[in-house]
Structure formats: structure tokens, C-alpha cells
């Protein structure tokens, strides 16, 4: 599975961005697609995930502000980010896992995209 993320950029606090991630390859084997982020100087952290069933999970820090969705026809997963805060600044990565399990930890994911920078200024 190959993942190509796009849509990052620089916005002011309170603004919005939409990230996209196109999956190619053996996508029928994917159990869940997720978004993680790595703030400067920090560990990679979970943001959101969507399972093959359509159920979603979110980090507490983004609940109510971010929405993960997917377009199966386009093999694309989206992360709609609203009410952005400076603490959302990070490199955002899309990821895919093929094994059923907890979707909130990076170690369970088999494939990773290249990352896209999101910068939120105050």
C-alpha cells in the first residue's frame, strides 16, 4: 500500500485546512486509515482514524474540531481541520494498518505516507 498525503500549509489560528491522502496498491487489505502528527521536538501522536466499517476515533485534543472521512471510490481519506490552534502545528502523516486492533498507536500501522506540514500562527 502506498500513501500520498497533501493539503498542508500555513494558516492563522481559527482557520481551516483539509488534508487528503490517496491510497494505492493492495487497499482491500486495509483495516483502518489513520492520521498522526508529530509536533516539533515531540513524539508522533494519534489524531484520528477511520476503520473499514466506517467507525471513527479521535484524539481528545481534536474532538469537535477535526473530522476524518473517506471516499472509497477515490481510495482517499480526508482530515478536515477547523478552529485550528497553534498547538496543532506539526507534520501530519497518513497511515494504513492491515491488522485488526487498536487504531490509536503508531506501532500498529504498516504503511506511512511522506508527511505534510501544517503550521498555525497565533
N, C-alpha and C. Protein backbone atom coordinates (compact mmCIF):
# COMPACT_ATOMS: atom_id res chain seq x y z
N UNK A 1 0.85 -1.19 0.00
CA UNK A 1 0.00 0.00 0.00
C UNK A 1 0.89 1.24 0.00
N UNK A 2 0.61 2.14 -0.92
CA UNK A 2 1.34 3.42 -0.97
C UNK A 2 0.38 4.53 -0.59
N UNK A 3 0.91 5.50 0.15
CA UNK A 3 0.08 6.61 0.64
C UNK A 3 0.71 7.93 0.23
N UNK A 4 -0.10 8.81 -0.31
CA UNK A 4 0.37 10.12 -0.75
C UNK A 4 -0.49 11.19 -0.10
N UNK A 5 0.10 11.93 0.83
CA UNK A 5 -0.63 12.97 1.55
C UNK A 5 -0.39 14.34 0.92
N UNK A 6 -1.39 15.20 1.06
CA UNK A 6 -1.28 16.57 0.56
C UNK A 6 -2.24 17.46 1.33
N UNK A 7 -2.11 18.77 1.12
CA UNK A 7 -3.07 19.70 1.70
C UNK A 7 -2.57 20.52 2.86
N UNK A 8 -1.34 20.29 3.30
CA UNK A 8 -0.82 21.08 4.40
C UNK A 8 -0.58 22.52 3.98
N UNK A 9 -0.25 23.34 4.96
CA UNK A 9 0.02 24.73 4.66
C UNK A 9 0.09 25.54 5.93
N UNK A 10 0.07 26.87 5.77
CA UNK A 10 0.14 27.79 6.90
C UNK A 10 -1.17 28.56 7.00
N UNK A 11 -1.72 28.59 8.20
CA UNK A 11 -2.95 29.34 8.43
C UNK A 11 -2.85 30.06 9.77
N UNK A 12 -3.74 31.01 9.96
CA UNK A 12 -3.82 31.68 11.25
C UNK A 12 -4.74 30.89 12.17
N UNK A 13 -4.57 31.10 13.45
CA UNK A 13 -5.42 30.45 14.43
C UNK A 13 -6.89 30.72 14.12
N UNK A 14 -7.70 29.69 14.24
CA UNK A 14 -9.11 29.79 13.91
C UNK A 14 -9.43 29.39 12.49
N UNK A 15 -8.41 29.23 11.68
CA UNK A 15 -8.61 28.87 10.28
C UNK A 15 -8.83 27.38 10.09
N UNK A 16 -8.93 27.01 8.81
CA UNK A 16 -9.23 25.62 8.46
C UNK A 16 -8.29 25.12 7.37
N UNK A 17 -8.09 23.84 7.36
CA UNK A 17 -7.34 23.16 6.30
C UNK A 17 -7.95 21.78 6.10
N UNK A 18 -7.80 21.26 4.89
CA UNK A 18 -8.23 19.88 4.64
C UNK A 18 -7.05 19.11 4.09
N UNK A 19 -6.69 18.06 4.76
CA UNK A 19 -5.65 17.16 4.29
C UNK A 19 -6.28 16.01 3.53
N UNK A 20 -5.56 15.56 2.51
CA UNK A 20 -6.01 14.42 1.72
C UNK A 20 -4.90 13.38 1.69
N UNK A 21 -5.29 12.14 1.57
CA UNK A 21 -4.32 11.06 1.46
C UNK A 21 -4.88 10.01 0.50
N UNK A 22 -4.17 9.82 -0.61
CA UNK A 22 -4.60 8.85 -1.60
C UNK A 22 -3.85 7.54 -1.37
N UNK A 23 -4.60 6.47 -1.28
CA UNK A 23 -4.02 5.15 -1.08
C UNK A 23 -4.04 4.38 -2.40
N UNK A 24 -2.96 3.67 -2.67
CA UNK A 24 -2.90 2.84 -3.87
C UNK A 24 -2.25 1.50 -3.49
N UNK A 25 -2.42 0.54 -4.37
CA UNK A 25 -1.87 -0.78 -4.09
C UNK A 25 -2.94 -1.70 -3.53
N UNK A 26 -2.57 -2.50 -2.55
CA UNK A 26 -3.45 -3.53 -2.01
C UNK A 26 -4.41 -2.95 -0.96
N UNK A 27 -5.19 -1.99 -1.39
CA UNK A 27 -6.07 -1.29 -0.46
C UNK A 27 -7.19 -2.14 0.12
N UNK A 28 -7.67 -3.19 -0.55
CA UNK A 28 -8.72 -4.02 0.08
C UNK A 28 -8.26 -4.67 1.37
N UNK A 29 -6.94 -4.77 1.59
CA UNK A 29 -6.43 -5.39 2.81
C UNK A 29 -6.38 -4.41 3.98
N UNK A 30 -6.70 -3.16 3.74
CA UNK A 30 -6.57 -2.16 4.79
C UNK A 30 -7.72 -2.25 5.78
N UNK A 31 -7.39 -2.36 7.06
CA UNK A 31 -8.40 -2.39 8.12
C UNK A 31 -8.77 -0.97 8.57
N UNK A 32 -7.78 -0.11 8.64
CA UNK A 32 -8.05 1.25 9.10
C UNK A 32 -7.05 2.21 8.46
N UNK A 33 -7.50 3.43 8.27
CA UNK A 33 -6.65 4.52 7.83
C UNK A 33 -6.59 5.55 8.95
N UNK A 34 -5.42 6.05 9.20
CA UNK A 34 -5.28 6.99 10.31
C UNK A 34 -4.46 8.20 9.95
N UNK A 35 -4.62 9.21 10.77
CA UNK A 35 -3.79 10.41 10.70
C UNK A 35 -3.05 10.54 12.04
N UNK A 36 -1.77 10.77 11.94
CA UNK A 36 -0.94 11.05 13.10
C UNK A 36 -0.22 12.36 12.85
N UNK A 37 0.32 12.94 13.90
CA UNK A 37 1.09 14.17 13.72
C UNK A 37 2.29 14.15 14.66
N UNK A 38 3.29 14.88 14.26
CA UNK A 38 4.50 14.99 15.07
C UNK A 38 4.85 16.46 15.23
N UNK A 39 4.53 17.04 16.38
CA UNK A 39 4.90 18.42 16.64
C UNK A 39 6.42 18.55 16.76
N UNK A 40 6.95 19.74 16.59
CA UNK A 40 8.40 19.93 16.69
C UNK A 40 8.93 19.47 18.04
N UNK A 41 9.93 18.60 18.03
CA UNK A 41 10.55 18.14 19.25
C UNK A 41 9.76 17.15 20.07
N UNK A 42 8.66 16.65 19.51
CA UNK A 42 7.81 15.73 20.28
C UNK A 42 7.64 14.41 19.54
N UNK A 43 7.03 13.47 20.26
CA UNK A 43 6.76 12.17 19.67
C UNK A 43 5.56 12.24 18.71
N UNK A 44 5.51 11.27 17.82
CA UNK A 44 4.36 11.18 16.94
C UNK A 44 3.13 10.81 17.76
N UNK A 45 2.00 11.46 17.47
CA UNK A 45 0.80 11.24 18.25
C UNK A 45 -0.40 11.00 17.36
N UNK A 46 -1.34 10.26 17.90
CA UNK A 46 -2.56 9.92 17.17
C UNK A 46 -3.45 11.14 17.02
N UNK A 47 -4.08 11.25 15.86
CA UNK A 47 -5.04 12.33 15.62
C UNK A 47 -6.44 11.76 15.37
N UNK A 48 -6.57 10.89 14.37
CA UNK A 48 -7.87 10.34 14.03
C UNK A 48 -7.69 9.09 13.18
N UNK A 49 -8.70 8.24 13.18
CA UNK A 49 -8.67 7.03 12.36
C UNK A 49 -10.08 6.68 11.92
N UNK A 50 -10.15 6.02 10.78
CA UNK A 50 -11.43 5.52 10.28
C UNK A 50 -11.23 4.07 9.87
N UNK A 51 -12.09 3.21 10.38
CA UNK A 51 -11.99 1.79 10.11
C UNK A 51 -12.74 1.43 8.83
N UNK A 52 -12.50 0.23 8.37
CA UNK A 52 -13.16 -0.25 7.17
C UNK A 52 -14.67 -0.21 7.33
N UNK A 53 -15.13 -0.40 8.56
CA UNK A 53 -16.57 -0.38 8.86
C UNK A 53 -17.15 1.03 8.78
N UNK A 54 -16.27 2.02 8.81
CA UNK A 54 -16.72 3.40 8.79
C UNK A 54 -16.69 4.08 10.15
N UNK A 55 -16.45 3.30 11.20
CA UNK A 55 -16.39 3.90 12.53
C UNK A 55 -15.12 4.72 12.67
N UNK A 56 -15.19 5.75 13.48
CA UNK A 56 -14.08 6.69 13.61
C UNK A 56 -13.63 6.81 15.06
N UNK A 57 -12.39 7.23 15.23
CA UNK A 57 -11.83 7.53 16.54
C UNK A 57 -11.05 8.82 16.44
N UNK A 58 -11.05 9.58 17.52
CA UNK A 58 -10.35 10.86 17.55
C UNK A 58 -9.57 11.02 18.85
N UNK A 59 -8.47 11.74 18.76
CA UNK A 59 -7.77 12.17 19.96
C UNK A 59 -8.63 13.21 20.66
N UNK A 60 -8.58 13.24 21.98
CA UNK A 60 -9.39 14.20 22.73
C UNK A 60 -9.08 15.64 22.32
N UNK A 61 -7.83 15.89 21.97
CA UNK A 61 -7.41 17.26 21.65
C UNK A 61 -8.02 17.79 20.37
N UNK A 62 -8.56 16.93 19.52
CA UNK A 62 -9.11 17.39 18.24
C UNK A 62 -10.61 17.13 18.12
N UNK A 63 -11.20 16.45 19.08
CA UNK A 63 -12.63 16.16 19.00
C UNK A 63 -13.44 17.44 18.88
N UNK A 64 -14.39 17.40 17.97
CA UNK A 64 -15.24 18.57 17.75
C UNK A 64 -14.65 19.58 16.79
N UNK A 65 -13.37 19.44 16.46
CA UNK A 65 -12.71 20.38 15.53
C UNK A 65 -12.28 19.69 14.25
N UNK A 66 -11.85 18.44 14.34
CA UNK A 66 -11.37 17.70 13.17
C UNK A 66 -12.39 16.62 12.81
N UNK A 67 -12.46 16.35 11.51
CA UNK A 67 -13.33 15.28 11.01
C UNK A 67 -12.57 14.43 10.01
N UNK A 68 -12.56 13.14 10.24
CA UNK A 68 -11.95 12.22 9.28
C UNK A 68 -13.06 11.58 8.45
N UNK A 69 -12.79 11.45 7.16
CA UNK A 69 -13.77 10.84 6.28
C UNK A 69 -13.03 10.16 5.14
N UNK A 70 -13.75 9.42 4.34
CA UNK A 70 -13.09 8.74 3.24
C UNK A 70 -14.03 8.66 2.04
N UNK A 71 -13.41 8.57 0.88
CA UNK A 71 -14.13 8.36 -0.37
C UNK A 71 -13.59 7.06 -0.95
N UNK A 72 -14.37 6.00 -0.80
CA UNK A 72 -13.88 4.69 -1.23
C UNK A 72 -13.65 4.63 -2.73
N UNK A 73 -14.45 5.33 -3.49
CA UNK A 73 -14.30 5.31 -4.95
C UNK A 73 -12.97 5.91 -5.37
N UNK A 74 -12.48 6.85 -4.58
CA UNK A 74 -11.22 7.51 -4.90
C UNK A 74 -10.05 6.99 -4.06
N UNK A 75 -10.33 6.01 -3.18
CA UNK A 75 -9.30 5.49 -2.28
C UNK A 75 -8.59 6.62 -1.53
N UNK A 76 -9.38 7.55 -1.06
CA UNK A 76 -8.84 8.75 -0.43
C UNK A 76 -9.45 8.93 0.96
N UNK A 77 -8.59 9.29 1.91
CA UNK A 77 -9.05 9.64 3.25
C UNK A 77 -8.74 11.12 3.47
N UNK A 78 -9.66 11.80 4.12
CA UNK A 78 -9.54 13.23 4.34
C UNK A 78 -9.48 13.53 5.84
N UNK A 79 -8.85 14.64 6.16
CA UNK A 79 -8.88 15.16 7.52
C UNK A 79 -9.25 16.63 7.41
N UNK A 80 -10.49 16.93 7.76
CA UNK A 80 -10.96 18.30 7.77
C UNK A 80 -10.63 18.89 9.13
N UNK A 81 -9.86 19.98 9.13
CA UNK A 81 -9.39 20.59 10.38
C UNK A 81 -9.94 22.00 10.48
N UNK A 82 -10.76 22.23 11.48
CA UNK A 82 -11.35 23.54 11.72
C UNK A 82 -10.90 24.09 13.07
N UNK A 83 -11.11 25.37 13.25
CA UNK A 83 -10.75 26.03 14.51
C UNK A 83 -9.32 25.68 14.92
N UNK A 84 -8.43 25.80 13.97
CA UNK A 84 -7.04 25.39 14.23
C UNK A 84 -6.39 26.27 15.28
N UNK A 85 -5.52 25.63 16.06
CA UNK A 85 -4.80 26.30 17.13
C UNK A 85 -3.30 26.19 16.88
N UNK A 86 -2.52 27.09 17.45
CA UNK A 86 -1.05 26.98 17.28
C UNK A 86 -0.51 25.62 17.70
N UNK A 87 -1.12 25.00 18.69
CA UNK A 87 -0.64 23.69 19.14
C UNK A 87 -0.96 22.56 18.17
N UNK A 88 -1.69 22.86 17.11
CA UNK A 88 -1.92 21.87 16.05
C UNK A 88 -0.77 21.85 15.05
N UNK A 89 0.17 22.77 15.19
CA UNK A 89 1.33 22.81 14.30
C UNK A 89 2.12 21.52 14.42
N UNK A 90 2.33 20.88 13.27
CA UNK A 90 3.02 19.58 13.26
C UNK A 90 3.17 19.12 11.82
N UNK A 91 3.96 18.08 11.65
CA UNK A 91 3.94 17.33 10.40
C UNK A 91 2.88 16.26 10.55
N UNK A 92 1.96 16.23 9.61
CA UNK A 92 0.85 15.28 9.65
C UNK A 92 1.13 14.12 8.69
N UNK A 93 0.91 12.91 9.20
CA UNK A 93 1.16 11.70 8.42
C UNK A 93 -0.12 10.89 8.29
N UNK A 94 -0.38 10.39 7.10
CA UNK A 94 -1.45 9.42 6.97
C UNK A 94 -0.83 8.03 7.04
N UNK A 95 -1.62 7.08 7.45
CA UNK A 95 -1.11 5.75 7.70
C UNK A 95 -2.20 4.71 7.46
N UNK A 96 -1.77 3.48 7.24
CA UNK A 96 -2.71 2.39 6.99
C UNK A 96 -2.28 1.16 7.77
N UNK A 97 -3.26 0.47 8.32
CA UNK A 97 -2.95 -0.78 9.00
C UNK A 97 -3.83 -1.88 8.43
N UNK A 98 -3.27 -3.06 8.36
CA UNK A 98 -3.96 -4.20 7.76
C UNK A 98 -4.47 -5.18 8.80
N UNK A 99 -4.04 -5.02 10.04
CA UNK A 99 -4.41 -5.97 11.09
C UNK A 99 -5.41 -5.32 12.04
N UNK A 100 -6.44 -6.06 12.37
CA UNK A 100 -7.44 -5.56 13.30
C UNK A 100 -6.80 -5.32 14.67
N UNK A 101 -7.11 -4.16 15.26
CA UNK A 101 -6.56 -3.87 16.57
C UNK A 101 -6.76 -2.42 16.93
N UNK A 102 -6.05 -2.01 17.96
CA UNK A 102 -6.15 -0.64 18.44
C UNK A 102 -5.63 0.31 17.38
N UNK A 103 -6.40 1.34 17.08
CA UNK A 103 -6.02 2.22 15.98
C UNK A 103 -5.30 3.48 16.44
N UNK A 104 -5.11 3.63 17.74
CA UNK A 104 -4.57 4.89 18.26
C UNK A 104 -3.07 4.89 18.50
N UNK A 105 -2.42 3.76 18.23
CA UNK A 105 -0.97 3.71 18.45
C UNK A 105 -0.24 3.55 17.13
N UNK A 106 0.84 4.31 16.93
CA UNK A 106 1.56 4.25 15.66
C UNK A 106 2.13 2.86 15.35
N UNK A 107 2.47 2.11 16.36
CA UNK A 107 3.15 0.84 16.14
C UNK A 107 2.31 -0.18 15.41
N UNK A 108 0.99 0.01 15.40
CA UNK A 108 0.13 -0.96 14.73
C UNK A 108 -0.04 -0.73 13.25
N UNK A 109 0.52 0.34 12.74
CA UNK A 109 0.34 0.70 11.33
C UNK A 109 1.49 0.20 10.48
N UNK A 110 1.11 -0.36 9.32
CA UNK A 110 2.10 -0.97 8.45
C UNK A 110 2.69 0.00 7.42
N UNK A 111 1.90 0.97 7.03
CA UNK A 111 2.29 1.86 5.93
C UNK A 111 2.11 3.32 6.33
N UNK A 112 3.05 4.14 5.83
CA UNK A 112 3.03 5.56 6.16
C UNK A 112 3.25 6.40 4.92
N UNK A 113 2.53 7.52 4.87
CA UNK A 113 2.79 8.50 3.83
C UNK A 113 3.98 9.37 4.19
N UNK A 114 4.29 10.32 3.34
CA UNK A 114 5.51 11.10 3.48
C UNK A 114 5.38 12.27 4.44
N UNK A 115 4.18 12.62 4.89
CA UNK A 115 4.03 13.73 5.81
C UNK A 115 3.79 15.04 5.09
N UNK A 116 2.95 15.87 5.71
CA UNK A 116 2.68 17.19 5.18
C UNK A 116 2.65 18.17 6.34
N UNK A 117 3.30 19.32 6.16
CA UNK A 117 3.47 20.29 7.24
C UNK A 117 2.22 21.14 7.41
N UNK A 118 1.78 21.27 8.64
CA UNK A 118 0.70 22.20 8.99
C UNK A 118 1.26 23.17 10.02
N UNK A 119 1.16 24.47 9.71
CA UNK A 119 1.65 25.49 10.61
C UNK A 119 0.51 26.46 10.92
N UNK A 120 0.24 26.63 12.22
CA UNK A 120 -0.83 27.52 12.65
C UNK A 120 -0.21 28.64 13.47
N UNK A 121 -0.40 29.85 13.01
CA UNK A 121 0.18 31.01 13.70
C UNK A 121 -0.87 31.71 14.54
N UNK A 122 -0.42 32.30 15.63
CA UNK A 122 -1.36 32.98 16.54
C UNK A 122 -1.59 34.43 16.15
